[in-house]
């Protein structure tokens, strides 16, 4: 089986040595593979997951596990997101990188603990808040990098439709819209923060991932294909992890770049529109302010 490094031969992986990186959603397929790969290159990891048992299991698979910090948090609760941010600030003085990998697909209608729509909260508000909270730590390094894991599914919605956030048509619409917001927000952050590199990446649809565990049939039968079946349109977990590390290390393409796997690609017109970026920024800040304690 290929290792993630097999897809990263164009990069100097020694650049990772000694870096301190916070990775969210670390216990899932892509997240765990990314964490394990980074640990092979002497990265000091701070790992987030929803369940302590899974975090403990992952830690045993890492090189130099004694250097790893494990943090449990429920990203559907922004108070929990604030708490984990405070913990990180208490445990470290700086961060070289942040990889916002945590995400969920929920097919039904569900309200998060902050009273907002569940998918929107987990997939967009939580990483936006984490990025905001950890900015002071990231600014203490020379070349801070933030990666937002997005999806080509963002093309499934043609409009920003902020007025529909709280009442999505269905779970797929909520998910694709949240991925649109990830990319649109990345573009906005890249425009207004020249001292930090922001990238968004679609790692591919990964066989066996639990991201789509709530998909209705027949879509679940497409995305939950067993890992041993060779399907040309399905990305294997090591390759998906490599796409994230590729975006993190890539210096040929500017801040704000969106990658479809390993290649830069123009996202939808909606995501590229500066007016939409500003609207989403304002909407996001408004929701964060209303639902978090200052």
C-alpha atoms as a PDB file:
ATOM      1  CA  UNK A   1       0.000   0.000   0.000  1.00  0.00           C
ATOM      2  CA  UNK A   2       1.240   3.461  -0.863  1.00  0.00           C
ATOM      3  CA  UNK A   3       2.320   5.824   1.878  1.00  0.00           C
ATOM      4  CA  UNK A   4       1.326   9.515   1.857  1.00  0.00           C
ATOM      5  CA  UNK A   5       4.996  10.359   1.290  1.00  0.00           C
ATOM      6  CA  UNK A   6       4.824   8.609  -2.088  1.00  0.00           C
ATOM      7  CA  UNK A   7       2.668  11.500  -3.289  1.00  0.00           C
ATOM      8  CA  UNK A   8       4.896  14.155  -1.732  1.00  0.00           C
ATOM      9  CA  UNK A   9       8.202  13.558  -3.498  1.00  0.00           C
ATOM     10  CA  UNK A  10       8.241  17.095  -4.891  1.00  0.00           C
ATOM     11  CA  UNK A  11       8.374  18.542  -1.384  1.00  0.00           C
ATOM     12  CA  UNK A  12      11.166  18.847   1.132  1.00  0.00           C
ATOM     13  CA  UNK A  13       9.524  17.083   4.060  1.00  0.00           C
ATOM     14  CA  UNK A  14      12.349  18.220   6.334  1.00  0.00           C
ATOM     15  CA  UNK A  15      10.541  21.563   6.484  1.00  0.00           C
ATOM     16  CA  UNK A  16       8.023  19.893   8.769  1.00  0.00           C
ATOM     17  CA  UNK A  17      10.604  18.993  11.394  1.00  0.00           C
ATOM     18  CA  UNK A  18      10.101  20.818  14.653  1.00  0.00           C
ATOM     19  CA  UNK A  19       6.843  22.430  13.595  1.00  0.00           C
ATOM     20  CA  UNK A  20       3.897  22.586  15.948  1.00  0.00           C
ATOM     21  CA  UNK A  21       0.585  21.852  14.212  1.00  0.00           C
ATOM     22  CA  UNK A  22      -2.981  21.643  15.506  1.00  0.00           C
ATOM     23  CA  UNK A  23      -5.113  19.135  13.587  1.00  0.00           C
ATOM     24  CA  UNK A  24      -8.872  18.906  14.116  1.00  0.00           C
ATOM     25  CA  UNK A  25     -10.873  15.789  13.349  1.00  0.00           C
ATOM     26  CA  UNK A  26      -7.750  13.722  13.911  1.00  0.00           C
ATOM     27  CA  UNK A  27      -9.410  10.389  14.684  1.00  0.00           C
ATOM     28  CA  UNK A  28     -11.185   9.939  11.329  1.00  0.00           C
ATOM     29  CA  UNK A  29      -9.648   8.215   8.302  1.00  0.00           C
ATOM     30  CA  UNK A  30      -8.043  11.244   6.662  1.00  0.00           C
ATOM     31  CA  UNK A  31      -7.279  12.912   9.976  1.00  0.00           C
ATOM     32  CA  UNK A  32      -5.564   9.905  11.525  1.00  0.00           C
ATOM     33  CA  UNK A  33      -3.507   9.229   8.394  1.00  0.00           C
ATOM     34  CA  UNK A  34      -2.455  12.891   8.323  1.00  0.00           C
ATOM     35  CA  UNK A  35      -1.506  12.800  12.003  1.00  0.00           C
ATOM     36  CA  UNK A  36       0.523   9.597  11.636  1.00  0.00           C
ATOM     37  CA  UNK A  37       2.354  10.945   8.584  1.00  0.00           C
ATOM     38  CA  UNK A  38       3.197  14.239  10.268  1.00  0.00           C
ATOM     39  CA  UNK A  39       4.484  12.383  13.321  1.00  0.00           C
ATOM     40  CA  UNK A  40       6.981  10.565  11.070  1.00  0.00           C
ATOM     41  CA  UNK A  41       8.571  13.938  10.359  1.00  0.00           C
ATOM     42  CA  UNK A  42       9.084  15.109  13.917  1.00  0.00           C
ATOM     43  CA  UNK A  43       6.051  17.399  14.030  1.00  0.00           C
ATOM     44  CA  UNK A  44       4.783  18.237  17.494  1.00  0.00           C
ATOM     45  CA  UNK A  45       1.077  17.542  17.202  1.00  0.00           C
ATOM     46  CA  UNK A  46      -1.944  18.871  19.008  1.00  0.00           C
ATOM     47  CA  UNK A  47      -4.818  16.582  18.056  1.00  0.00           C
ATOM     48  CA  UNK A  48      -8.550  17.095  18.405  1.00  0.00           C
ATOM     49  CA  UNK A  49     -11.229  14.425  18.436  1.00  0.00           C
ATOM     50  CA  UNK A  50     -14.733  13.890  19.769  1.00  0.00           C
ATOM     51  CA  UNK A  51     -13.952  10.702  21.689  1.00  0.00           C
ATOM     52  CA  UNK A  52     -11.090  10.187  24.131  1.00  0.00           C
ATOM     53  CA  UNK A  53     -10.804   6.455  23.397  1.00  0.00           C
ATOM     54  CA  UNK A  54     -10.158   7.128  19.724  1.00  0.00           C
ATOM     55  CA  UNK A  55      -7.599   9.800  20.560  1.00  0.00           C
ATOM     56  CA  UNK A  56      -5.789   7.410  22.905  1.00  0.00           C
ATOM     57  CA  UNK A  57      -5.792   4.698  20.232  1.00  0.00           C
ATOM     58  CA  UNK A  58      -4.383   7.110  17.650  1.00  0.00           C
ATOM     59  CA  UNK A  59      -1.642   8.275  19.995  1.00  0.00           C
ATOM     60  CA  UNK A  60      -0.271   4.729  20.177  1.00  0.00           C
ATOM     61  CA  UNK A  61       0.274   4.778  16.399  1.00  0.00           C
ATOM     62  CA  UNK A  62       2.368   7.953  16.427  1.00  0.00           C
ATOM     63  CA  UNK A  63       6.104   8.395  16.541  1.00  0.00           C
ATOM     64  CA  UNK A  64       7.202  10.316  19.637  1.00  0.00           C
ATOM     65  CA  UNK A  65       3.712  10.104  21.196  1.00  0.00           C
ATOM     66  CA  UNK A  66       5.010  11.702  24.386  1.00  0.00           C
ATOM     67  CA  UNK A  67       5.207  15.020  22.509  1.00  0.00           C
ATOM     68  CA  UNK A  68       1.569  14.843  21.420  1.00  0.00           C
ATOM     69  CA  UNK A  69      -1.231  16.784  23.090  1.00  0.00           C
ATOM     70  CA  UNK A  70      -4.739  15.283  22.908  1.00  0.00           C
ATOM     71  CA  UNK A  71      -7.824  17.462  23.248  1.00  0.00           C
ATOM     72  CA  UNK A  72     -11.455  16.366  23.197  1.00  0.00           C
ATOM     73  CA  UNK A  73     -14.196  18.737  22.035  1.00  0.00           C
ATOM     74  CA  UNK A  74     -17.660  18.720  20.499  1.00  0.00           C
ATOM     75  CA  UNK A  75     -17.616  21.179  17.604  1.00  0.00           C
ATOM     76  CA  UNK A  76     -21.404  21.443  17.557  1.00  0.00           C
ATOM     77  CA  UNK A  77     -20.981  23.436  20.768  1.00  0.00           C
ATOM     78  CA  UNK A  78     -19.077  26.696  20.270  1.00  0.00           C
ATOM     79  CA  UNK A  79     -18.483  26.960  24.012  1.00  0.00           C
ATOM     80  CA  UNK A  80     -16.543  23.702  23.706  1.00  0.00           C
ATOM     81  CA  UNK A  81     -14.617  25.203  20.785  1.00  0.00           C
ATOM     82  CA  UNK A  82     -13.675  28.191  22.939  1.00  0.00           C
ATOM     83  CA  UNK A  83     -12.616  25.865  25.744  1.00  0.00           C
ATOM     84  CA  UNK A  84     -10.281  23.836  23.534  1.00  0.00           C
ATOM     85  CA  UNK A  85      -8.794  27.086  22.191  1.00  0.00           C
ATOM     86  CA  UNK A  86      -8.047  28.231  25.740  1.00  0.00           C
ATOM     87  CA  UNK A  87      -6.444  24.869  26.516  1.00  0.00           C
ATOM     88  CA  UNK A  88      -4.144  25.209  23.522  1.00  0.00           C
ATOM     89  CA  UNK A  89      -3.124  28.710  24.602  1.00  0.00           C
ATOM     90  CA  UNK A  90      -2.299  27.343  28.048  1.00  0.00           C
ATOM     91  CA  UNK A  91      -0.243  24.450  26.675  1.00  0.00           C
ATOM     92  CA  UNK A  92       1.788  26.197  23.979  1.00  0.00           C
ATOM     93  CA  UNK A  93       3.170  29.629  23.170  1.00  0.00           C
ATOM     94  CA  UNK A  94       3.031  29.355  19.380  1.00  0.00           C
ATOM     95  CA  UNK A  95       1.658  27.386  16.448  1.00  0.00           C
ATOM     96  CA  UNK A  96       3.200  26.918  13.024  1.00  0.00           C
ATOM     97  CA  UNK A  97       0.084  25.505  11.458  1.00  0.00           C
ATOM     98  CA  UNK A  98      -3.615  24.778  11.817  1.00  0.00           C
ATOM     99  CA  UNK A  99      -5.412  22.108   9.799  1.00  0.00           C
ATOM    100  CA  UNK A 100      -9.189  22.431  10.032  1.00  0.00           C
ATOM    101  CA  UNK A 101     -10.123  18.901   9.027  1.00  0.00           C
ATOM    102  CA  UNK A 102     -13.113  18.134  11.268  1.00  0.00           C
ATOM    103  CA  UNK A 103     -16.393  17.885   9.395  1.00  0.00           C
ATOM    104  CA  UNK A 104     -19.751  16.144   9.338  1.00  0.00           C
ATOM    105  CA  UNK A 105     -22.560  15.254   6.983  1.00  0.00           C
ATOM    106  CA  UNK A 106     -25.981  14.942   8.611  1.00  0.00           C
ATOM    107  CA  UNK A 107     -28.857  13.983   6.359  1.00  0.00           C
ATOM    108  CA  UNK A 108     -31.694  15.207   8.558  1.00  0.00           C
ATOM    109  CA  UNK A 109     -32.472  18.517  10.186  1.00  0.00           C
ATOM    110  CA  UNK A 110     -30.685  19.066  13.447  1.00  0.00           C
ATOM    111  CA  UNK A 111     -30.006  22.006  15.711  1.00  0.00           C
ATOM    112  CA  UNK A 112     -26.622  22.447  17.371  1.00  0.00           C
ATOM    113  CA  UNK A 113     -26.197  23.370  21.023  1.00  0.00           C
ATOM    114  CA  UNK A 114     -25.805  27.026  20.103  1.00  0.00           C
ATOM    115  CA  UNK A 115     -29.273  26.995  18.557  1.00  0.00           C
ATOM    116  CA  UNK A 116     -27.958  27.197  14.994  1.00  0.00           C
ATOM    117  CA  UNK A 117     -28.108  24.606  12.222  1.00  0.00           C
ATOM    118  CA  UNK A 118     -25.897  21.608  13.028  1.00  0.00           C
ATOM    119  CA  UNK A 119     -23.866  21.190   9.818  1.00  0.00           C
ATOM    120  CA  UNK A 120     -23.258  24.934   9.510  1.00  0.00           C
ATOM    121  CA  UNK A 121     -21.985  25.049  13.085  1.00  0.00           C
ATOM    122  CA  UNK A 122     -19.641  22.050  12.893  1.00  0.00           C
ATOM    123  CA  UNK A 123     -18.318  22.587   9.376  1.00  0.00           C
ATOM    124  CA  UNK A 124     -18.079  26.368   9.212  1.00  0.00           C
ATOM    125  CA  UNK A 125     -18.546  28.253  12.478  1.00  0.00           C
ATOM    126  CA  UNK A 126     -16.308  25.957  14.533  1.00  0.00           C
ATOM    127  CA  UNK A 127     -13.245  26.215  12.247  1.00  0.00           C
ATOM    128  CA  UNK A 128     -13.864  29.941  11.783  1.00  0.00           C
ATOM    129  CA  UNK A 129     -13.869  30.411  15.558  1.00  0.00           C
ATOM    130  CA  UNK A 130     -10.812  28.179  16.057  1.00  0.00           C
ATOM    131  CA  UNK A 131      -8.924  30.175  13.433  1.00  0.00           C
ATOM    132  CA  UNK A 132      -9.900  33.428  15.109  1.00  0.00           C
ATOM    133  CA  UNK A 133      -9.024  32.243  18.616  1.00  0.00           C
ATOM    134  CA  UNK A 134      -5.629  30.807  17.673  1.00  0.00           C
ATOM    135  CA  UNK A 135      -4.516  33.674  15.469  1.00  0.00           C
ATOM    136  CA  UNK A 136      -2.259  35.185  18.194  1.00  0.00           C
ATOM    137  CA  UNK A 137      -0.330  31.896  18.493  1.00  0.00           C
ATOM    138  CA  UNK A 138       0.022  31.558  14.731  1.00  0.00           C
ATOM    139  CA  UNK A 139       1.307  35.107  14.373  1.00  0.00           C
ATOM    140  CA  UNK A 140       4.274  34.256  16.579  1.00  0.00           C
ATOM    141  CA  UNK A 141       5.839  32.197  13.781  1.00  0.00           C
ATOM    142  CA  UNK A 142       7.426  33.394  10.539  1.00  0.00           C
ATOM    143  CA  UNK A 143       5.251  31.556   8.022  1.00  0.00           C
ATOM    144  CA  UNK A 144       2.007  30.422   9.687  1.00  0.00           C
ATOM    145  CA  UNK A 145      -0.213  28.259   7.503  1.00  0.00           C
ATOM    146  CA  UNK A 146      -3.890  27.398   7.836  1.00  0.00           C
ATOM    147  CA  UNK A 147      -5.507  24.623   5.798  1.00  0.00           C
ATOM    148  CA  UNK A 148      -9.280  24.334   5.524  1.00  0.00           C
ATOM    149  CA  UNK A 149     -10.445  20.946   4.282  1.00  0.00           C
ATOM    150  CA  UNK A 150     -13.232  21.663   1.813  1.00  0.00           C
ATOM    151  CA  UNK A 151     -14.867  19.713  -1.008  1.00  0.00           C
ATOM    152  CA  UNK A 152     -15.817  19.778  -4.662  1.00  0.00           C
ATOM    153  CA  UNK A 153     -19.311  19.344  -3.223  1.00  0.00           C
ATOM    154  CA  UNK A 154     -19.295  23.137  -2.855  1.00  0.00           C
ATOM    155  CA  UNK A 155     -20.350  23.270  -6.508  1.00  0.00           C
ATOM    156  CA  UNK A 156     -23.648  21.693  -5.506  1.00  0.00           C
ATOM    157  CA  UNK A 157     -24.983  25.078  -4.489  1.00  0.00           C
ATOM    158  CA  UNK A 158     -24.892  28.103  -6.786  1.00  0.00           C
ATOM    159  CA  UNK A 159     -25.712  30.827  -4.278  1.00  0.00           C
ATOM    160  CA  UNK A 160     -24.377  31.926  -0.915  1.00  0.00           C
ATOM    161  CA  UNK A 161     -27.976  31.788   0.380  1.00  0.00           C
ATOM    162  CA  UNK A 162     -27.251  32.992   3.909  1.00  0.00           C
ATOM    163  CA  UNK A 163     -30.984  33.443   4.409  1.00  0.00           C
ATOM    164  CA  UNK A 164     -31.383  29.665   4.056  1.00  0.00           C
ATOM    165  CA  UNK A 165     -28.671  28.608   6.517  1.00  0.00           C
ATOM    166  CA  UNK A 166     -31.119  27.861   9.321  1.00  0.00           C
ATOM    167  CA  UNK A 167     -33.574  25.962   7.163  1.00  0.00           C
ATOM    168  CA  UNK A 168     -31.686  23.957   4.531  1.00  0.00           C
ATOM    169  CA  UNK A 169     -33.633  22.040   1.921  1.00  0.00           C
ATOM    170  CA  UNK A 170     -31.926  18.800   2.931  1.00  0.00           C
ATOM    171  CA  UNK A 171     -28.732  17.438   4.444  1.00  0.00           C
ATOM    172  CA  UNK A 172     -26.829  17.402   1.183  1.00  0.00           C
ATOM    173  CA  UNK A 173     -27.646  21.067   0.577  1.00  0.00           C
ATOM    174  CA  UNK A 174     -26.472  21.945   4.080  1.00  0.00           C
ATOM    175  CA  UNK A 175     -23.225  20.038   3.560  1.00  0.00           C
ATOM    176  CA  UNK A 176     -22.410  21.427   0.106  1.00  0.00           C
ATOM    177  CA  UNK A 177     -23.197  24.931   1.307  1.00  0.00           C
ATOM    178  CA  UNK A 178     -20.915  24.522   4.337  1.00  0.00           C
ATOM    179  CA  UNK A 179     -18.075  23.511   2.003  1.00  0.00           C
ATOM    180  CA  UNK A 180     -18.807  26.564  -0.150  1.00  0.00           C
ATOM    181  CA  UNK A 181     -18.498  28.670   2.990  1.00  0.00           C
ATOM    182  CA  UNK A 182     -15.155  27.031   3.850  1.00  0.00           C
ATOM    183  CA  UNK A 183     -13.671  28.095   0.519  1.00  0.00           C
ATOM    184  CA  UNK A 184     -15.320  31.519   0.424  1.00  0.00           C
ATOM    185  CA  UNK A 185     -14.101  32.242   3.954  1.00  0.00           C
ATOM    186  CA  UNK A 186     -10.591  31.057   3.096  1.00  0.00           C
ATOM    187  CA  UNK A 187     -10.531  33.521   0.203  1.00  0.00           C
ATOM    188  CA  UNK A 188     -11.640  36.349   2.493  1.00  0.00           C
ATOM    189  CA  UNK A 189      -9.037  35.548   5.153  1.00  0.00           C
ATOM    190  CA  UNK A 190      -6.325  35.393   2.497  1.00  0.00           C
ATOM    191  CA  UNK A 191      -7.291  38.863   1.253  1.00  0.00           C
ATOM    192  CA  UNK A 192      -7.227  40.523   4.652  1.00  0.00           C
ATOM    193  CA  UNK A 193      -4.306  38.745   6.359  1.00  0.00           C
ATOM    194  CA  UNK A 194      -1.081  39.027   4.403  1.00  0.00           C
ATOM    195  CA  UNK A 195       1.023  37.654   7.250  1.00  0.00           C
ATOM    196  CA  UNK A 196      -0.637  34.216   7.179  1.00  0.00           C
ATOM    197  CA  UNK A 197      -1.063  31.655   4.389  1.00  0.00           C
ATOM    198  CA  UNK A 198      -4.582  30.283   3.938  1.00  0.00           C
ATOM    199  CA  UNK A 199      -5.388  27.352   1.653  1.00  0.00           C
ATOM    200  CA  UNK A 200      -8.443  25.170   1.032  1.00  0.00           C
ATOM    201  CA  UNK A 201      -8.296  21.621  -0.306  1.00  0.00           C
ATOM    202  CA  UNK A 202     -10.646  18.950  -1.596  1.00  0.00           C
ATOM    203  CA  UNK A 203      -8.936  15.680  -0.579  1.00  0.00           C
ATOM    204  CA  UNK A 204     -11.268  13.496  -2.633  1.00  0.00           C
ATOM    205  CA  UNK A 205     -14.089  11.129  -1.679  1.00  0.00           C
ATOM    206  CA  UNK A 206     -12.502   8.554   0.594  1.00  0.00           C
ATOM    207  CA  UNK A 207     -13.724   4.959   0.751  1.00  0.00           C
ATOM    208  CA  UNK A 208     -14.617   3.850   4.250  1.00  0.00           C
ATOM    209  CA  UNK A 209     -14.646   7.339   5.771  1.00  0.00           C
ATOM    210  CA  UNK A 210     -17.278   7.994   8.423  1.00  0.00           C
ATOM    211  CA  UNK A 211     -17.893  11.546   7.262  1.00  0.00           C
ATOM    212  CA  UNK A 212     -20.897  10.403   5.237  1.00  0.00           C
ATOM    213  CA  UNK A 213     -22.207   7.862   7.750  1.00  0.00           C
ATOM    214  CA  UNK A 214     -25.610   9.581   7.751  1.00  0.00           C
ATOM    215  CA  UNK A 215     -26.101   9.646   3.986  1.00  0.00           C
ATOM    216  CA  UNK A 216     -29.420   8.319   2.720  1.00  0.00           C
ATOM    217  CA  UNK A 217     -29.413   5.528   0.173  1.00  0.00           C
ATOM    218  CA  UNK A 218     -28.405   5.309  -2.600  1.00  0.00           C
ATOM    219  CA  UNK A 219     -25.695   7.919  -1.915  1.00  0.00           C
ATOM    220  CA  UNK A 220     -24.393   6.020   1.097  1.00  0.00           C
ATOM    221  CA  UNK A 221     -23.785   3.003  -1.126  1.00  0.00           C
ATOM    222  CA  UNK A 222     -21.573   5.164  -3.306  1.00  0.00           C
ATOM    223  CA  UNK A 223     -19.562   6.858  -0.567  1.00  0.00           C
ATOM    224  CA  UNK A 224     -19.378   3.890   1.808  1.00  0.00           C
ATOM    225  CA  UNK A 225     -17.719   1.586  -0.706  1.00  0.00           C
ATOM    226  CA  UNK A 226     -15.509  -0.896   1.185  1.00  0.00           C
ATOM    227  CA  UNK A 227     -11.853   0.065   1.200  1.00  0.00           C
ATOM    228  CA  UNK A 228     -10.749  -3.069  -0.646  1.00  0.00           C
ATOM    229  CA  UNK A 229     -12.762  -2.324  -3.786  1.00  0.00           C
ATOM    230  CA  UNK A 230     -10.691  -0.525  -6.454  1.00  0.00           C
ATOM    231  CA  UNK A 231     -12.786   2.353  -7.736  1.00  0.00           C
ATOM    232  CA  UNK A 232     -11.167   4.975  -9.988  1.00  0.00           C
ATOM    233  CA  UNK A 233     -13.228   7.826  -8.558  1.00  0.00           C
ATOM    234  CA  UNK A 234     -12.552   6.970  -4.933  1.00  0.00           C
ATOM    235  CA  UNK A 235      -9.473   8.407  -3.201  1.00  0.00           C
ATOM    236  CA  UNK A 236      -7.571   6.139  -0.839  1.00  0.00           C
ATOM    237  CA  UNK A 237      -6.878   7.462   2.646  1.00  0.00           C
ATOM    238  CA  UNK A 238      -3.063   7.832   2.289  1.00  0.00           C
ATOM    239  CA  UNK A 239      -3.519   9.839  -0.900  1.00  0.00           C
ATOM    240  CA  UNK A 240      -6.158  12.033   0.745  1.00  0.00           C
ATOM    241  CA  UNK A 241      -3.835  12.738   3.672  1.00  0.00           C
ATOM    242  CA  UNK A 242      -1.092  13.617   1.190  1.00  0.00           C
ATOM    243  CA  UNK A 243      -3.342  16.219  -0.464  1.00  0.00           C
ATOM    244  CA  UNK A 244      -3.598  18.056   2.845  1.00  0.00           C
ATOM    245  CA  UNK A 245       0.144  17.969   3.491  1.00  0.00           C
ATOM    246  CA  UNK A 246       0.783  19.006  -0.110  1.00  0.00           C
ATOM    247  CA  UNK A 247      -1.372  22.109   0.332  1.00  0.00           C
ATOM    248  CA  UNK A 248       0.384  22.825   3.620  1.00  0.00           C
ATOM    249  CA  UNK A 249       3.879  22.661   2.117  1.00  0.00           C
ATOM    250  CA  UNK A 250       3.189  24.141  -1.322  1.00  0.00           C
ATOM    251  CA  UNK A 251       4.900  27.494  -1.806  1.00  0.00           C
ATOM    252  CA  UNK A 252       4.451  27.758  -5.571  1.00  0.00           C
ATOM    253  CA  UNK A 253       0.835  28.872  -5.300  1.00  0.00           C
ATOM    254  CA  UNK A 254      -0.345  31.953  -3.406  1.00  0.00           C
ATOM    255  CA  UNK A 255      -2.398  32.272  -0.272  1.00  0.00           C
ATOM    256  CA  UNK A 256      -6.082  31.718  -0.966  1.00  0.00           C
ATOM    257  CA  UNK A 257      -5.445  28.836  -3.371  1.00  0.00           C
ATOM    258  CA  UNK A 258      -8.041  26.061  -3.610  1.00  0.00           C
ATOM    259  CA  UNK A 259      -6.801  22.578  -4.512  1.00  0.00           C
ATOM    260  CA  UNK A 260      -8.716  19.720  -6.072  1.00  0.00           C
ATOM    261  CA  UNK A 261      -6.563  16.993  -4.581  1.00  0.00           C
ATOM    262  CA  UNK A 262      -3.005  17.975  -5.609  1.00  0.00           C
ATOM    263  CA  UNK A 263      -3.755  20.554  -8.270  1.00  0.00           C
ATOM    264  CA  UNK A 264      -4.797  24.201  -7.865  1.00  0.00           C
ATOM    265  CA  UNK A 265      -8.264  24.754  -9.272  1.00  0.00           C
ATOM    266  CA  UNK A 266     -10.673  27.643  -9.541  1.00  0.00           C
ATOM    267  CA  UNK A 267     -13.531  27.189  -7.098  1.00  0.00           C
ATOM    268  CA  UNK A 268     -17.036  28.261  -8.066  1.00  0.00           C
ATOM    269  CA  UNK A 269     -17.778  31.852  -9.072  1.00  0.00           C
ATOM    270  CA  UNK A 270     -19.769  32.198  -5.870  1.00  0.00           C
ATOM    271  CA  UNK A 271     -16.693  31.447  -3.767  1.00  0.00           C
ATOM    272  CA  UNK A 272     -14.478  33.780  -5.805  1.00  0.00           C
ATOM    273  CA  UNK A 273     -16.829  36.760  -5.554  1.00  0.00           C
ATOM    274  CA  UNK A 274     -15.363  39.371  -3.127  1.00  0.00           C
ATOM    275  CA  UNK A 275     -18.844  40.650  -2.255  1.00  0.00           C
ATOM    276  CA  UNK A 276     -19.859  37.153  -1.196  1.00  0.00           C
ATOM    277  CA  UNK A 277     -16.667  36.832   0.816  1.00  0.00           C
ATOM    278  CA  UNK A 278     -17.455  40.049   2.681  1.00  0.00           C
ATOM    279  CA  UNK A 279     -21.078  39.033   3.273  1.00  0.00           C
ATOM    280  CA  UNK A 280     -20.035  35.668   4.670  1.00  0.00           C
ATOM    281  CA  UNK A 281     -17.396  37.268   6.871  1.00  0.00           C
ATOM    282  CA  UNK A 282     -19.926  39.653   8.403  1.00  0.00           C
ATOM    283  CA  UNK A 283     -22.523  36.912   8.840  1.00  0.00           C
ATOM    284  CA  UNK A 284     -19.987  34.588  10.458  1.00  0.00           C
ATOM    285  CA  UNK A 285     -18.774  37.234  12.895  1.00  0.00           C
ATOM    286  CA  UNK A 286     -22.344  38.094  13.817  1.00  0.00           C
ATOM    287  CA  UNK A 287     -23.211  34.455  14.578  1.00  0.00           C
ATOM    288  CA  UNK A 288     -20.015  33.877  16.543  1.00  0.00           C
ATOM    289  CA  UNK A 289     -20.569  36.985  18.657  1.00  0.00           C
ATOM    290  CA  UNK A 290     -24.165  36.042  19.406  1.00  0.00           C
ATOM    291  CA  UNK A 291     -23.444  32.458  20.391  1.00  0.00           C
ATOM    292  CA  UNK A 292     -20.190  32.656  22.362  1.00  0.00           C
ATOM    293  CA  UNK A 293     -19.172  34.109  25.659  1.00  0.00           C
ATOM    294  CA  UNK A 294     -16.725  36.967  25.461  1.00  0.00           C
END
